[in-house]
N, C-alpha and C. Protein backbone atom coordinates (compact mmCIF):
# COMPACT_ATOMS: atom_id res chain seq x y z
N MET A 1 103.95 93.87 102.47
CA MET A 1 103.34 92.60 102.69
C MET A 1 104.41 91.45 102.52
N LEU A 2 104.41 91.21 101.26
CA LEU A 2 105.01 90.09 100.70
C LEU A 2 106.49 90.03 101.77
N ALA A 3 107.18 91.01 101.69
CA ALA A 3 108.04 91.03 102.76
C ALA A 3 108.02 90.52 103.91
N THR A 4 107.42 91.19 104.54
CA THR A 4 106.32 90.21 106.46
C THR A 4 106.27 89.11 106.50
N LEU A 5 105.38 88.75 105.08
CA LEU A 5 104.93 87.06 104.91
C LEU A 5 106.66 86.18 105.02
N GLY A 6 107.39 86.78 104.36
CA GLY A 6 108.13 86.09 103.99
C GLY A 6 109.28 85.81 105.03
N VAL A 7 109.02 87.18 105.72
CA VAL A 7 109.97 86.72 107.28
C VAL A 7 109.29 85.82 107.91
N VAL A 8 108.26 85.76 108.04
CA VAL A 8 106.82 84.71 109.17
C VAL A 8 107.32 83.27 108.75
N LEU A 9 106.84 83.36 107.59
CA LEU A 9 107.09 81.63 107.07
C LEU A 9 108.57 81.58 106.92
N ASP A 10 109.35 81.92 106.87
CA ASP A 10 111.27 81.74 107.07
C ASP A 10 111.32 81.32 108.10
N LEU A 11 110.91 82.03 109.13
CA LEU A 11 110.80 81.84 110.65
C LEU A 11 110.11 80.41 110.95
N ALA A 12 109.14 80.14 110.38
CA ALA A 12 108.33 79.51 111.07
C ALA A 12 108.80 77.94 109.90
N LEU A 13 109.25 78.26 109.12
CA LEU A 13 109.89 76.78 108.45
C LEU A 13 111.10 76.74 108.85
N SER A 14 111.63 77.57 109.86
CA SER A 14 112.78 77.18 110.51
C SER A 14 112.91 77.06 111.82
N SER A 15 111.54 76.84 112.52
CA SER A 15 111.23 76.29 113.65
C SER A 15 111.83 76.96 114.81
N VAL A 16 111.40 78.19 114.36
CA VAL A 16 112.10 79.58 115.40
C VAL A 16 111.15 79.83 116.24
N GLY A 17 110.98 79.29 117.23
CA GLY A 17 109.45 79.85 117.97
C GLY A 17 109.35 81.06 118.80
N ASP A 18 111.16 81.55 119.06
CA ASP A 18 110.84 82.50 120.02
C ASP A 18 110.53 84.00 119.19
N TYR A 19 110.03 83.91 117.98
CA TYR A 19 109.86 85.12 117.24
C TYR A 19 108.25 85.26 116.31
N LEU A 20 107.53 84.03 117.43
CA LEU A 20 106.59 84.21 117.30
C LEU A 20 105.62 85.81 117.36
N LEU A 21 106.17 86.58 118.28
CA LEU A 21 105.10 87.50 119.03
C LEU A 21 105.85 88.69 118.17
N GLU A 22 107.11 88.65 117.25
CA GLU A 22 107.55 89.69 116.39
C GLU A 22 106.84 89.67 115.43
N SER A 23 106.55 88.59 114.59
CA SER A 23 106.14 87.72 113.92
C SER A 23 104.47 88.34 113.24
N LEU A 24 103.83 88.29 114.16
CA LEU A 24 102.73 88.43 114.56
C LEU A 24 102.54 90.19 114.17
N GLY A 25 103.02 90.43 115.56
CA GLY A 25 103.22 92.05 115.50
C GLY A 25 103.58 92.68 114.18
N LEU A 26 104.44 91.89 113.49
CA LEU A 26 104.96 92.57 112.27
C LEU A 26 103.58 92.51 111.51
N LEU A 27 102.56 91.48 111.02
CA LEU A 27 101.63 91.46 110.41
C LEU A 27 100.50 92.20 110.62
N VAL A 28 100.42 92.89 111.76
CA VAL A 28 99.68 93.34 112.60
C VAL A 28 99.75 95.08 111.69
N MET A 29 101.34 95.32 112.11
CA MET A 29 101.75 96.63 111.26
C MET A 29 101.75 96.67 110.24
N VAL A 30 101.63 96.15 109.51
CA VAL A 30 102.21 96.06 108.25
C VAL A 30 100.75 96.30 107.39
N THR A 31 99.54 95.49 107.85
CA THR A 31 98.54 95.63 107.75
C THR A 31 97.80 96.86 107.85
N VAL A 32 98.24 97.37 108.97
CA VAL A 32 97.60 98.75 109.56
C VAL A 32 98.20 99.93 108.42
N GLY A 33 99.72 99.46 107.98
CA GLY A 33 100.19 100.38 107.20
C GLY A 33 99.89 100.21 106.02
N LEU A 34 99.37 99.39 105.60
CA LEU A 34 98.62 99.57 103.89
C LEU A 34 97.73 99.98 103.80
N VAL A 35 96.64 99.83 104.60
CA VAL A 35 95.22 100.21 104.59
C VAL A 35 95.59 101.79 105.18
N GLY A 36 96.17 102.19 105.74
CA GLY A 36 96.41 104.01 105.80
C GLY A 36 97.11 104.64 105.04
N LEU A 37 98.17 103.54 103.86
CA LEU A 37 98.51 104.20 102.61
C LEU A 37 97.49 104.25 101.57
N PHE A 38 97.05 102.70 101.39
CA PHE A 38 95.75 103.00 100.28
C PHE A 38 94.63 103.59 100.38
N VAL A 39 94.52 103.21 101.50
CA VAL A 39 92.74 103.95 101.56
C VAL A 39 92.92 105.47 102.41
N ALA A 40 93.41 105.51 103.48
CA ALA A 40 93.78 107.17 104.03
C ALA A 40 94.70 107.68 103.05
N ARG A 41 95.64 107.19 102.83
CA ARG A 41 96.61 107.76 102.07
C ARG A 41 97.44 108.81 102.78
N GLY A 42 97.53 108.43 104.14
CA GLY A 42 98.26 109.21 104.87
C GLY A 42 99.85 109.33 105.08
N ARG A 43 100.74 110.37 105.33
CA ARG A 43 101.68 110.38 105.36
C ARG A 43 102.23 109.53 106.24
N TRP A 44 101.90 109.15 107.47
CA TRP A 44 101.71 108.72 108.48
C TRP A 44 102.34 107.17 108.21
N ALA A 45 101.39 106.79 106.93
CA ALA A 45 101.54 105.76 107.04
C ALA A 45 102.57 105.18 106.31
N ARG A 46 103.48 105.78 105.46
CA ARG A 46 104.52 106.02 104.51
C ARG A 46 105.60 105.62 105.69
N ARG A 47 105.65 106.54 106.70
CA ARG A 47 106.76 106.61 107.79
C ARG A 47 106.08 104.87 108.51
N TYR A 48 105.28 104.74 108.95
CA TYR A 48 104.74 103.79 109.62
C TYR A 48 105.52 102.59 109.13
N LEU A 49 105.42 102.35 107.68
CA LEU A 49 105.43 101.14 107.24
C LEU A 49 107.40 100.90 106.90
N TRP A 50 107.87 102.38 106.70
CA TRP A 50 109.38 102.25 106.89
C TRP A 50 109.79 101.51 108.43
N LEU A 51 108.78 101.73 109.47
CA LEU A 51 109.39 101.31 110.74
C LEU A 51 109.25 100.09 110.48
N ALA A 52 107.84 99.53 110.19
CA ALA A 52 107.80 98.12 110.15
C ALA A 52 109.00 97.23 109.30
N LEU A 53 109.62 97.95 108.31
CA LEU A 53 110.22 97.20 107.49
C LEU A 53 111.68 97.43 108.70
N VAL A 54 112.54 98.43 108.79
CA VAL A 54 113.54 98.20 109.90
C VAL A 54 113.45 96.82 110.91
N ILE A 55 112.26 96.79 111.36
CA ILE A 55 112.23 95.94 112.55
C ILE A 55 112.12 94.88 111.44
N GLU A 56 111.83 94.49 110.36
CA GLU A 56 111.58 92.78 109.67
C GLU A 56 113.19 92.74 109.24
N ALA A 57 113.59 93.34 108.94
CA ALA A 57 115.05 93.39 108.74
C ALA A 57 116.06 93.04 109.81
N ALA A 58 115.53 93.95 110.92
CA ALA A 58 116.53 93.35 112.31
C ALA A 58 115.81 92.21 112.64
N LEU A 59 115.13 91.78 112.43
CA LEU A 59 114.33 90.21 112.88
C LEU A 59 114.82 89.29 111.96
N PHE A 60 114.77 89.37 110.82
CA PHE A 60 115.73 88.50 109.83
C PHE A 60 116.85 88.51 109.93
N VAL A 61 118.12 89.07 110.70
CA VAL A 61 119.36 89.36 110.98
C VAL A 61 119.51 88.79 112.16
N THR A 62 118.49 88.90 113.27
CA THR A 62 118.68 88.06 114.59
C THR A 62 118.19 86.65 114.44
N SER A 63 117.74 86.28 113.57
CA SER A 63 116.77 84.74 113.72
C SER A 63 118.33 83.91 113.27
N GLY A 64 119.14 84.98 112.58
CA GLY A 64 120.18 83.67 111.77
C GLY A 64 119.47 83.01 110.35
N SER A 65 118.82 83.15 110.26
CA SER A 65 118.01 82.45 108.96
C SER A 65 117.59 83.52 108.15
N PHE A 66 118.99 83.07 106.64
CA PHE A 66 119.07 84.03 105.40
C PHE A 66 118.26 83.24 104.52
N SER A 67 117.54 83.87 103.79
CA SER A 67 116.50 82.77 102.82
C SER A 67 116.52 84.29 101.29
N LEU A 68 115.60 84.04 100.15
CA LEU A 68 115.54 85.10 99.53
C LEU A 68 114.91 86.46 99.83
N THR A 69 113.90 85.92 101.38
CA THR A 69 113.12 87.21 101.60
C THR A 69 113.61 88.50 101.68
N VAL A 70 115.11 88.55 101.63
CA VAL A 70 115.75 89.73 101.87
C VAL A 70 115.56 90.46 100.74
N VAL A 71 115.54 89.54 99.10
CA VAL A 71 115.01 90.45 98.39
C VAL A 71 113.57 90.95 98.51
N ALA A 72 112.53 90.41 99.16
CA ALA A 72 111.44 90.95 99.09
C ALA A 72 111.69 92.28 100.25
N ILE A 73 112.32 91.94 100.87
CA ILE A 73 112.47 93.19 101.77
C ILE A 73 113.08 94.75 100.95
N LEU A 74 114.29 94.22 100.28
CA LEU A 74 114.41 95.31 99.50
C LEU A 74 113.79 95.77 98.43
N ALA A 75 112.68 94.86 98.20
CA ALA A 75 111.82 95.48 97.13
C ALA A 75 110.95 96.34 97.81
N ALA A 76 110.79 96.16 98.78
CA ALA A 76 109.61 97.00 99.69
C ALA A 76 110.24 98.29 100.09
N ALA A 77 111.27 98.19 100.45
CA ALA A 77 111.98 99.31 100.57
C ALA A 77 112.46 100.29 99.71
N MET A 78 112.39 99.54 98.16
CA MET A 78 112.61 100.54 97.18
C MET A 78 111.12 100.97 96.89
N SER A 79 109.95 100.60 97.14
CA SER A 79 108.82 101.08 96.51
C SER A 79 108.42 102.20 97.36
N LEU A 80 108.86 102.08 98.75
CA LEU A 80 108.47 103.12 99.47
C LEU A 80 109.21 104.43 99.08
N SER A 81 110.38 104.24 98.38
CA SER A 81 111.28 105.21 98.29
C SER A 81 110.74 105.65 97.11
N LEU A 82 110.02 104.94 96.04
CA LEU A 82 109.20 106.07 94.91
C LEU A 82 109.21 107.25 95.07
N PRO A 83 108.88 108.17 94.10
CA PRO A 83 108.70 109.41 94.06
C PRO A 83 107.30 109.46 93.93
N GLY A 84 106.80 108.36 92.98
CA GLY A 84 105.25 108.87 92.75
C GLY A 84 104.14 108.31 93.81
N LEU A 85 104.86 107.86 95.13
CA LEU A 85 104.43 107.94 96.79
C LEU A 85 103.93 109.23 96.79
N ASP A 86 104.78 110.17 96.23
CA ASP A 86 104.57 111.81 97.05
C ASP A 86 102.96 112.52 96.69
N GLY A 87 102.95 112.14 95.57
CA GLY A 87 101.57 112.65 94.67
C GLY A 87 100.61 111.62 95.24
N TRP A 88 101.09 110.52 95.53
CA TRP A 88 99.86 109.35 95.98
C TRP A 88 99.50 110.09 97.64
N THR A 89 99.98 110.32 98.21
CA THR A 89 99.76 110.72 99.77
C THR A 89 99.68 112.05 100.05
N ARG A 90 98.68 112.22 100.95
CA ARG A 90 98.17 113.29 101.32
C ARG A 90 99.19 114.46 101.63
N GLN A 91 99.27 115.31 101.42
CA GLN A 91 100.40 116.64 101.66
C GLN A 91 99.90 117.02 103.18
N LEU A 92 98.79 117.52 102.97
CA LEU A 92 98.13 118.59 103.58
C LEU A 92 97.09 117.54 104.78
N ARG A 93 97.01 117.87 105.80
CA ARG A 93 96.33 117.35 106.90
C ARG A 93 94.97 117.95 106.72
N LYS A 94 93.86 117.02 106.80
CA LYS A 94 92.47 117.01 106.69
C LYS A 94 91.64 118.06 107.48
N ALA A 95 91.02 118.95 107.33
CA ALA A 95 90.27 119.96 108.16
C ALA A 95 90.02 119.22 109.19
N ASP A 96 89.32 117.93 109.50
CA ASP A 96 88.63 117.65 111.03
C ASP A 96 89.75 116.35 111.29
N ALA A 97 91.01 116.41 110.76
CA ALA A 97 92.05 115.64 110.91
C ALA A 97 92.23 115.18 112.30
N PRO A 98 92.48 114.34 113.04
CA PRO A 98 92.74 114.32 114.72
C PRO A 98 94.07 114.56 115.46
N PRO A 99 94.16 115.08 116.30
CA PRO A 99 95.58 115.37 116.68
C PRO A 99 96.41 114.52 116.71
N ALA A 100 97.43 115.06 116.37
CA ALA A 100 98.54 114.23 116.31
C ALA A 100 98.86 112.65 117.38
N PRO A 101 98.61 113.09 118.78
CA PRO A 101 98.53 112.31 119.65
C PRO A 101 97.85 111.60 119.30
N ALA A 102 96.70 111.42 119.13
CA ALA A 102 95.26 110.86 118.62
C ALA A 102 95.67 109.83 117.67
N VAL A 103 96.26 110.25 116.97
CA VAL A 103 97.21 108.86 115.89
C VAL A 103 98.64 108.56 116.81
N LEU A 104 99.41 109.01 117.24
CA LEU A 104 100.70 108.26 117.80
C LEU A 104 99.94 107.06 119.03
N LEU A 105 99.08 107.33 119.58
CA LEU A 105 99.47 106.52 120.64
C LEU A 105 98.48 104.95 120.03
N PRO A 106 97.55 104.83 119.26
CA PRO A 106 97.47 103.81 119.09
C PRO A 106 98.61 102.79 117.87
N LEU A 107 99.36 104.03 117.38
CA LEU A 107 100.66 103.29 116.77
C LEU A 107 101.46 102.55 117.32
N ALA A 108 101.27 103.41 118.36
CA ALA A 108 102.83 102.81 119.35
C ALA A 108 102.39 101.74 120.04
N LEU A 109 101.03 101.51 120.40
CA LEU A 109 100.40 100.20 120.98
C LEU A 109 100.63 99.37 120.23
N ILE A 110 100.15 99.39 118.61
CA ILE A 110 99.77 98.49 117.89
C ILE A 110 101.67 97.68 117.60
N SER A 111 102.31 98.91 117.38
CA SER A 111 104.12 98.91 117.32
C SER A 111 104.57 98.12 118.84
N MET A 112 103.93 97.85 119.87
CA MET A 112 104.69 97.08 120.89
C MET A 112 105.02 95.36 121.07
N PRO A 113 104.36 94.58 120.31
CA PRO A 113 104.32 93.31 119.91
C PRO A 113 105.67 93.11 119.24
N ALA A 114 106.06 93.97 118.50
CA ALA A 114 107.13 93.73 117.30
C ALA A 114 108.49 94.24 118.13
N VAL A 115 108.11 95.65 118.33
CA VAL A 115 109.35 96.04 118.76
C VAL A 115 109.96 95.88 120.29
N VAL A 116 109.23 95.15 121.13
CA VAL A 116 109.47 94.74 122.38
C VAL A 116 109.64 92.91 122.22
N GLY A 117 109.01 92.33 121.24
CA GLY A 117 109.42 91.07 120.98
C GLY A 117 111.07 91.12 120.71
N LEU A 118 111.32 92.00 119.67
CA LEU A 118 112.57 91.84 119.06
C LEU A 118 113.60 92.54 120.30
N ILE A 119 113.46 92.99 121.47
CA ILE A 119 114.34 93.67 122.57
C ILE A 119 114.19 92.82 123.35
N VAL A 120 113.38 92.50 123.85
CA VAL A 120 113.29 91.76 125.28
C VAL A 120 112.63 90.87 125.10
N ASP A 121 113.23 89.71 126.11
CA ASP A 121 113.42 88.16 126.00
C ASP A 121 111.59 87.57 126.36
N SER A 122 111.65 87.06 125.18
CA SER A 122 110.07 86.19 125.14
C SER A 122 109.84 85.77 126.61
N SER A 123 108.78 85.91 126.58
CA SER A 123 107.79 85.28 128.13
C SER A 123 106.10 85.55 128.00
N THR A 124 105.63 84.70 128.90
CA THR A 124 104.37 85.07 128.92
C THR A 124 103.71 86.00 129.15
N ALA A 125 104.19 86.51 130.15
CA ALA A 125 103.88 88.06 130.66
C ALA A 125 103.50 89.13 129.63
N VAL A 126 105.71 88.96 129.04
CA VAL A 126 105.67 89.97 128.19
C VAL A 126 104.86 89.55 126.81
N SER A 127 104.59 88.67 126.10
CA SER A 127 103.74 88.41 125.02
C SER A 127 102.08 88.85 125.34
N ALA A 128 101.94 88.70 126.94
CA ALA A 128 100.38 88.92 127.04
C ALA A 128 100.09 90.50 127.13
N PHE A 129 100.89 91.19 127.69
CA PHE A 129 101.63 92.64 127.90
C PHE A 129 101.16 93.30 126.37
N SER A 130 102.20 92.93 126.07
CA SER A 130 102.06 93.31 124.36
C SER A 130 100.94 93.57 123.26
N LEU A 131 100.10 91.91 123.32
CA LEU A 131 99.23 91.83 122.64
C LEU A 131 97.89 92.32 122.90
N GLY A 132 98.30 92.52 124.78
CA GLY A 132 97.13 93.61 125.09
C GLY A 132 97.46 95.40 125.05
N GLY A 133 98.32 95.64 124.42
CA GLY A 133 98.29 96.81 123.64
C GLY A 133 97.84 96.89 122.37
N VAL A 134 97.91 95.61 121.59
CA VAL A 134 96.98 96.17 120.79
C VAL A 134 95.65 96.06 120.44
N VAL A 135 95.13 95.19 121.34
CA VAL A 135 93.53 95.30 122.08
C VAL A 135 93.19 96.61 122.19
N GLY A 136 93.92 96.93 123.29
CA GLY A 136 93.82 98.74 123.93
C GLY A 136 93.86 99.74 122.53
N ALA A 137 94.84 99.65 121.39
CA ALA A 137 94.71 100.21 120.26
C ALA A 137 93.35 100.37 119.20
N TRP A 138 92.70 99.36 119.28
CA TRP A 138 91.58 98.88 118.89
C TRP A 138 90.47 99.22 119.30
N SER A 139 90.16 99.06 120.56
CA SER A 139 89.34 100.13 122.02
C SER A 139 89.55 101.14 121.92
N TYR A 140 90.82 101.86 122.03
CA TYR A 140 90.83 103.54 121.40
C TYR A 140 90.39 103.94 120.64
N ALA A 141 90.63 103.26 118.95
CA ALA A 141 90.21 103.50 118.02
C ALA A 141 88.55 103.54 117.72
N ARG A 142 88.11 103.26 118.61
CA ARG A 142 86.36 102.62 118.89
C ARG A 142 85.75 103.56 119.63
N ALA A 143 87.16 104.75 119.97
CA ALA A 143 86.50 105.85 120.78
C ALA A 143 85.82 105.45 122.55
N HIS A 144 86.33 104.33 122.63
CA HIS A 144 85.80 103.85 124.25
C HIS A 144 86.80 104.81 125.39
N ARG A 145 86.11 105.41 125.73
CA ARG A 145 86.65 106.11 126.70
C ARG A 145 87.36 105.84 127.82
N LEU A 146 86.56 104.69 128.41
CA LEU A 146 87.31 103.83 129.23
C LEU A 146 88.67 103.48 129.14
N THR A 147 88.69 103.16 127.67
CA THR A 147 89.50 102.96 127.49
C THR A 147 91.36 103.49 127.65
N LEU A 148 90.94 104.80 127.36
CA LEU A 148 91.87 105.98 127.44
C LEU A 148 92.02 105.90 129.22
N TRP A 149 91.47 105.69 130.12
CA TRP A 149 91.52 105.96 131.27
C TRP A 149 92.12 104.36 132.09
N ALA A 150 92.01 103.60 131.22
CA ALA A 150 92.70 101.90 131.43
C ALA A 150 94.36 102.40 130.92
N LEU A 151 94.35 103.23 129.87
CA LEU A 151 95.76 103.46 129.47
C LEU A 151 96.80 104.37 130.22
N ARG A 152 95.82 105.60 130.96
CA ARG A 152 96.53 106.30 131.92
C ARG A 152 96.55 105.51 133.33
N LEU A 153 95.55 104.70 133.70
CA LEU A 153 95.82 104.22 135.25
C LEU A 153 96.40 102.91 135.22
N VAL A 154 95.73 101.84 134.57
CA VAL A 154 95.79 100.65 134.63
C VAL A 154 97.44 100.18 133.51
N TYR A 155 97.34 100.60 132.80
CA TYR A 155 98.43 100.41 131.95
C TYR A 155 99.60 100.92 132.43
N PRO A 156 100.43 101.69 133.51
CA PRO A 156 101.39 102.19 133.81
C PRO A 156 102.23 101.31 135.16
N PRO A 157 101.26 100.55 135.65
CA PRO A 157 101.48 99.97 136.67
C PRO A 157 101.88 98.28 136.33
N ILE A 158 101.00 97.76 135.33
CA ILE A 158 101.02 96.38 134.60
C ILE A 158 102.60 96.51 134.31
N GLY A 159 102.88 97.46 133.60
CA GLY A 159 104.06 97.63 132.90
C GLY A 159 105.13 97.51 133.54
N ILE A 160 105.10 98.58 134.81
CA ILE A 160 105.96 97.99 135.96
C ILE A 160 106.21 96.54 136.26
N ALA A 161 105.37 96.34 136.34
CA ALA A 161 104.72 94.84 136.71
C ALA A 161 105.71 93.85 136.25
N VAL A 162 105.74 94.31 134.91
CA VAL A 162 106.03 93.14 133.93
C VAL A 162 107.63 93.38 133.47
N ALA A 163 108.26 95.10 133.75
CA ALA A 163 109.32 94.82 133.55
C ALA A 163 110.62 94.77 134.81
N GLY A 164 109.52 94.63 135.70
CA GLY A 164 110.47 93.71 137.25
C GLY A 164 110.93 92.90 137.23
N GLY A 165 110.38 91.77 136.02
CA GLY A 165 110.83 90.39 136.11
C GLY A 165 111.73 90.03 135.07
N LEU A 166 112.65 91.61 134.54
CA LEU A 166 113.03 91.37 133.30
C LEU A 166 114.97 91.87 133.49
N PRO A 167 115.80 91.54 133.03
CA PRO A 167 117.17 91.86 132.96
C PRO A 167 117.00 93.43 132.98
N LEU A 168 117.99 94.09 133.97
CA LEU A 168 117.75 95.77 134.07
C LEU A 168 118.16 96.59 132.53
N TRP A 169 118.66 96.42 131.83
CA TRP A 169 118.18 96.89 130.14
C TRP A 169 117.09 96.72 129.56
N GLN A 170 116.67 95.72 129.46
CA GLN A 170 115.31 95.25 129.30
C GLN A 170 114.36 96.35 129.52
N SER A 171 114.66 96.14 130.94
CA SER A 171 113.21 96.56 131.72
C SER A 171 113.32 97.99 131.69
N VAL A 172 114.50 98.73 131.05
CA VAL A 172 114.50 100.24 130.97
C VAL A 172 114.11 100.59 130.37
N ILE A 173 113.88 99.48 128.88
CA ILE A 173 113.52 99.76 127.63
C ILE A 173 111.90 99.50 127.28
N LEU A 174 111.54 98.45 128.36
CA LEU A 174 110.25 98.20 128.46
C LEU A 174 109.61 99.91 128.95
N GLY A 175 110.17 100.12 130.37
CA GLY A 175 109.64 101.04 130.70
C GLY A 175 109.85 102.38 129.98
N ALA A 176 110.70 103.05 129.30
CA ALA A 176 110.18 103.57 128.26
C ALA A 176 109.10 103.51 127.56
N LEU A 177 108.83 102.43 126.55
CA LEU A 177 107.76 102.30 125.73
C LEU A 177 106.95 102.43 126.24
N VAL A 178 106.62 102.24 127.55
CA VAL A 178 105.70 101.71 127.85
C VAL A 178 105.09 103.55 128.96
N GLY A 179 106.03 104.46 129.37
CA GLY A 179 106.15 105.72 129.42
C GLY A 179 105.80 106.58 128.35
N PHE A 180 106.21 106.69 127.09
CA PHE A 180 105.85 107.16 125.97
C PHE A 180 104.48 107.23 125.48
N CYS A 181 104.08 105.69 126.01
CA CYS A 181 102.64 105.69 125.31
C CYS A 181 101.67 106.09 126.15
N VAL A 182 101.77 106.38 127.88
CA VAL A 182 101.04 106.57 128.86
C VAL A 182 101.63 108.30 128.85
N VAL A 183 102.24 108.70 128.76
CA VAL A 183 102.69 110.36 128.46
C VAL A 183 101.81 110.79 127.14
N LEU A 184 101.72 110.23 125.96
CA LEU A 184 100.29 110.18 125.01
C LEU A 184 99.14 110.14 125.45
N ALA A 185 98.85 109.22 126.16
CA ALA A 185 97.45 109.04 126.85
C ALA A 185 97.03 110.37 127.25
N TRP A 186 97.98 110.87 128.25
CA TRP A 186 97.70 112.19 129.10
C TRP A 186 97.38 113.69 128.46
N THR A 187 97.97 113.44 127.26
CA THR A 187 98.13 114.69 126.81
C THR A 187 96.64 115.10 125.86
N PRO A 188 96.33 116.34 125.94
CA PRO A 188 94.68 116.80 125.53
C PRO A 188 94.64 116.21 124.03
N GLY A 189 94.91 115.83 123.16
CA GLY A 189 94.88 115.55 121.71
C GLY A 189 94.01 114.32 121.93
N ALA A 190 95.16 113.16 122.98
CA ALA A 190 94.34 111.93 122.92
C ALA A 190 93.40 111.65 123.61
N LEU A 191 92.47 112.93 124.51
CA LEU A 191 91.25 113.09 124.48
C LEU A 191 90.44 113.35 123.55
N LEU A 192 90.82 114.75 122.59
CA LEU A 192 89.94 114.77 121.69
C LEU A 192 89.89 113.76 120.73
N GLY A 193 90.40 113.15 120.63
CA GLY A 193 90.53 112.12 119.60
C GLY A 193 89.01 110.66 119.84
N ILE A 194 89.23 111.01 121.03
CA ILE A 194 87.83 109.78 121.08
C ILE A 194 86.28 110.83 121.75
N GLN A 195 86.61 112.05 121.50
CA GLN A 195 85.41 113.09 121.38
C GLN A 195 84.48 112.88 120.31
N PRO A 196 83.09 112.67 120.50
CA PRO A 196 82.25 112.90 119.19
C PRO A 196 82.31 114.18 118.37
N LEU A 197 82.54 113.90 117.10
CA LEU A 197 82.47 115.26 116.38
C LEU A 197 81.18 115.68 116.30
N GLU A 198 81.46 117.19 116.21
CA GLU A 198 79.98 118.07 116.47
C GLU A 198 80.21 118.72 114.90
N PRO A 199 78.55 118.55 114.44
CA PRO A 199 78.14 119.37 113.60
C PRO A 199 78.81 120.79 112.95
N ARG A 200 80.00 120.89 112.03
CA ARG A 200 80.10 122.40 111.57
C ARG A 200 79.15 123.53 111.52
N ARG A 201 78.80 124.35 111.97
CA ARG A 201 77.78 125.10 111.45
C ARG A 201 78.29 127.05 111.20
N PHE A 202 77.71 126.95 109.93
CA PHE A 202 77.97 128.33 109.50
C PHE A 202 77.24 129.28 109.49
N GLU A 203 77.65 130.40 109.64
CA GLU A 203 76.32 131.69 109.86
C GLU A 203 76.50 132.53 108.10
N ALA A 204 75.60 132.48 107.46
CA ALA A 204 75.17 133.05 106.63
C ALA A 204 75.47 134.44 106.59
N LYS A 205 76.03 135.26 105.69
CA LYS A 205 76.45 136.62 105.51
C LYS A 205 76.42 137.12 104.14
N PRO A 206 75.63 138.21 104.09
CA PRO A 206 75.60 138.71 103.02
C PRO A 206 76.76 139.30 101.77
N VAL A 207 76.76 139.00 100.75
CA VAL A 207 77.52 139.59 100.08
C VAL A 207 76.99 140.34 98.90
N PHE A 208 77.77 140.89 97.83
CA PHE A 208 77.53 141.69 96.89
C PHE A 208 77.07 140.22 95.65
N ALA A 209 75.84 140.45 94.76
CA ALA A 209 75.55 139.60 94.06
C ALA A 209 77.13 139.63 92.73
N GLU A 210 77.66 140.59 92.06
CA GLU A 210 78.86 141.10 91.64
C GLU A 210 79.85 139.75 92.16
N MET A 211 80.04 139.30 93.42
CA MET A 211 81.15 138.80 93.98
C MET A 211 80.78 137.35 93.93
N ALA A 212 79.40 136.49 93.59
CA ALA A 212 79.13 135.19 93.78
C ALA A 212 79.43 134.61 92.37
N PRO A 213 79.50 133.52 92.71
CA PRO A 213 80.47 132.80 91.59
C PRO A 213 79.01 132.57 90.47
N PRO A 214 79.03 132.79 89.16
CA PRO A 214 77.49 132.45 88.11
C PRO A 214 77.27 131.11 88.37
N GLU A 215 77.61 130.09 88.67
CA GLU A 215 76.98 129.19 88.55
C GLU A 215 76.36 129.06 89.58
N ILE A 216 76.44 129.74 90.75
CA ILE A 216 75.52 129.79 91.96
C ILE A 216 74.28 130.53 91.70
N MET A 217 74.61 131.87 90.86
CA MET A 217 73.61 132.80 90.83
C MET A 217 72.52 132.52 89.75
N ASP A 218 73.39 130.51 88.61
CA ASP A 218 72.22 130.75 87.57
C ASP A 218 71.03 129.54 88.69
N GLU A 219 72.07 128.77 89.39
CA GLU A 219 71.15 127.49 90.33
C GLU A 219 69.96 128.46 90.91
N ILE A 220 69.81 129.45 91.14
CA ILE A 220 69.00 130.24 92.30
C ILE A 220 68.10 130.71 91.25
N GLY A 221 68.39 131.28 90.10
CA GLY A 221 67.56 131.85 89.14
C GLY A 221 68.05 133.30 89.27
N ARG A 222 69.05 133.92 89.24
CA ARG A 222 69.30 135.43 89.68
C ARG A 222 70.56 135.53 88.18
N ASP A 223 70.19 136.91 87.72
CA ASP A 223 71.48 137.48 87.57
C ASP A 223 72.78 137.92 88.03
N SER A 224 73.41 138.03 87.29
CA SER A 224 74.93 138.82 87.89
C SER A 224 74.85 140.19 88.83
N HIS A 225 73.03 140.54 88.50
CA HIS A 225 73.33 142.11 89.41
C HIS A 225 72.38 141.57 90.48
N GLY A 226 71.75 140.36 90.55
CA GLY A 226 71.11 139.90 91.88
C GLY A 226 69.40 139.96 91.85
N ARG A 227 69.12 140.39 90.30
CA ARG A 227 67.70 140.66 89.99
C ARG A 227 67.20 139.29 89.59
N LYS A 228 65.96 138.96 89.44
CA LYS A 228 65.17 137.98 88.89
C LYS A 228 65.07 137.80 87.74
N ARG A 229 65.44 136.51 87.10
CA ARG A 229 65.41 136.33 85.51
C ARG A 229 64.18 136.32 85.47
């Protein structure tokens, strides 16, 4: 987070207004990544923070403004490389974890302002479209079904219209990013991600008393042979 704030403040002090979209996008990315790392302890958060660091470094270089912020970026990269994080992050998926597309879709939408702003020429349409993706990610995370259909049907034509006013290579990149999000939105996993969780039902099955843990037998007042005490 310090590295991101350093980049944003450095650009602001340098009056580089063209990088406002990327700066805001980076703040959102790092915030989401840190919450995912320290609260959810997810492996995806560590990888997502690496992506944010790569964008920060690219933004720092392309802005042409060099300062001590590079030290914060290097320190953040070293922190993400610490072996201690291997024991902190969850190594196995939770039993009720959402499908991978349900996680990748909002993360891709959240990354849109920083990635698009870094590659594509800034304009009002590009900024509004990119920031709209962040709103869509928030709404999807709130399990709004209409948002998923908007990402499937409304998001593509808007993206094509925005890309149409850009140079060829930039429109191809923006189209690829939008296409990636749309493909994720049409996967079955993205639909499962917004469906309400159903309570698990377990069917009781008889077991031999000798096979039951002693603490359970003590709790129900039975001995190791199933007889009442």
